Protein backbone atom coordinates (compact mmCIF):
# COMPACT_ATOMS: atom_id res chain seq x y z
CA MET A 1 0.00 0.00 0.00
CA ARG A 2 2.85 2.34 0.81
CA LYS A 3 4.52 1.58 -2.52
CA LEU A 4 1.28 2.40 -4.37
CA SER A 5 0.93 5.68 -2.47
CA ILE A 6 4.49 6.69 -3.28
CA SER A 7 3.95 5.80 -6.94
CA LEU A 8 0.77 7.90 -7.12
CA ILE A 9 2.47 10.88 -5.47
CA ILE A 10 5.45 10.62 -7.82
CA ASN A 11 3.13 10.45 -10.85
CA GLY A 12 1.20 13.47 -9.58
CA VAL A 13 4.37 15.52 -9.06
CA SER A 14 5.66 14.49 -12.50
CA LEU A 15 2.38 15.44 -14.19
CA TYR A 16 2.44 18.80 -12.41
CA LEU A 17 6.00 19.42 -13.62
CA ILE A 18 5.04 18.37 -17.15
CA SER A 19 2.19 20.88 -17.18
CA ASN A 20 4.67 23.61 -16.23
CA LEU A 21 7.35 22.54 -18.72
CA PHE A 22 5.18 22.19 -21.85
CA ASP A 23 3.18 25.10 -23.25
CA GLY A 24 0.69 22.80 -24.99
CA ILE A 25 -0.26 20.97 -21.80
CA THR A 26 -2.53 22.44 -19.14
CA ILE A 27 -3.68 20.67 -16.00
CA GLN A 28 -5.78 22.61 -13.54
CA THR A 29 -4.87 21.96 -9.94
CA SER A 30 -8.37 20.67 -9.23
CA ALA A 31 -7.97 18.07 -11.99
CA LEU A 32 -4.48 16.92 -11.01
CA VAL A 33 -5.65 14.16 -8.67
CA ALA A 34 -8.12 12.80 -11.22
CA MET A 35 -5.49 12.99 -13.94
CA THR A 36 -3.01 11.08 -11.77
CA LEU A 37 -5.49 8.33 -10.93
CA ILE A 38 -6.75 7.91 -14.49
CA PHE A 39 -3.22 7.92 -15.89
CA CYS A 40 -2.18 5.19 -13.45
CA VAL A 41 -5.23 3.07 -14.30
CA LEU A 42 -4.63 3.48 -18.04
CA ASN A 43 -0.95 2.57 -17.59
CA THR A 44 -1.98 -0.56 -15.72
CA ILE A 45 -4.84 -1.77 -17.93
CA VAL A 46 -4.76 -0.19 -21.40
CA LYS A 47 -1.03 0.20 -22.03
CA PRO A 48 -0.20 -3.55 -21.98
CA ILE A 49 -3.01 -4.22 -24.45
CA LEU A 50 -1.80 -1.46 -26.77
CA GLU A 51 1.77 -2.72 -26.49
CA LEU A 52 0.63 -6.20 -27.49
CA PHE A 53 -1.17 -4.94 -30.59
CA ALA A 54 1.71 -2.61 -31.47
CA LEU A 55 4.38 -5.29 -31.03
CA PRO A 56 5.04 -5.76 -34.79
CA PHE A 57 5.53 -2.01 -35.26
CA THR A 58 7.70 -1.83 -32.16
CA ILE A 59 9.90 -4.61 -33.50
CA MET A 60 10.13 -3.01 -36.96
CA THR A 61 11.12 0.37 -35.47
CA LEU A 62 13.54 -1.21 -32.98
CA GLY A 63 11.48 -0.07 -30.01
CA LEU A 64 10.80 3.52 -31.04
CA PHE A 65 7.09 2.88 -31.56
CA SER A 66 6.76 2.32 -27.81
CA LEU A 67 7.16 6.10 -27.47
CA VAL A 68 4.04 6.51 -29.58
CA VAL A 69 2.16 4.02 -27.38
CA ASN A 70 3.18 6.00 -24.29
CA GLY A 71 2.00 9.21 -25.96
CA VAL A 72 -1.34 7.65 -26.88
CA VAL A 73 -1.92 6.50 -23.29
CA LEU A 74 -1.11 10.00 -22.01
CA ASN A 75 -3.42 11.51 -24.65
CA LEU A 76 -6.19 9.15 -23.53
CA ALA A 77 -5.74 10.30 -19.96
CA PHE A 78 -6.08 13.92 -21.09
CA ALA A 79 -9.24 13.00 -23.00
CA PHE A 80 -10.89 11.55 -19.89
CA VAL A 81 -10.13 14.42 -17.49
CA LYS A 82 -12.19 17.57 -17.88
CA GLY A 83 -9.72 20.11 -16.45
CA ALA A 84 -6.70 18.86 -18.40
CA SER A 85 -5.84 19.31 -22.05
CA CYS A 86 -3.06 18.59 -24.50
CA ASP A 87 -2.63 20.29 -27.86
CA SER A 88 -1.51 17.37 -30.01
CA LEU A 89 -0.27 13.81 -30.02
CA ILE A 90 3.26 15.05 -30.75
CA THR A 91 3.14 17.11 -27.55
CA CYS A 92 1.93 14.04 -25.65
CA ILE A 93 4.76 11.92 -27.06
CA GLY A 94 7.35 14.51 -25.99
CA ALA A 95 5.69 14.85 -22.61
CA SER A 96 5.64 11.08 -22.12
CA ILE A 97 9.40 10.96 -22.72
CA VAL A 98 10.04 13.66 -20.12
CA LEU A 99 7.44 12.08 -17.81
CA SER A 100 9.22 8.74 -17.84
CA ILE A 101 12.56 10.44 -17.13
CA LEU A 102 11.03 12.37 -14.22
CA ASN A 103 9.29 9.29 -12.84
CA THR A 104 12.49 7.26 -13.01
CA GLY A 105 14.48 9.99 -11.24
CA LEU A 106 11.90 10.61 -8.55
CA GLN A 107 11.41 6.87 -8.03
CA ALA A 108 15.17 6.45 -7.55
CA ILE A 109 15.20 9.23 -4.97
CA PHE A 110 11.99 8.57 -3.03
CA GLY A 111 10.96 5.04 -3.96
CA GLU A 112 11.48 1.93 -1.92
CA ASP A 113 12.86 -1.34 -3.18
């Protein structure tokens, strides 16, 4: 339970930083909790299914298509939350790259093994 709480907090902080770093992404503070929860649920349920269907493209592009899958999952999260928006899929792909770097760094600092 503690590990899940830390993961949710780290995702929330990373999403907040992403909204400040990218001009095309806006997340209202009231929608940040909903965005964090929906993003975590989509990462847990939808992302593995998308990765399975995208496996041939991922193999052909030597793994680069996984960046597109991450961007699509982030774009889906923005579509579900009312107070959050993203300008384009390209912005979501760039944000997902920075988001994974932030999550990895914050998890290394604050996460437990």
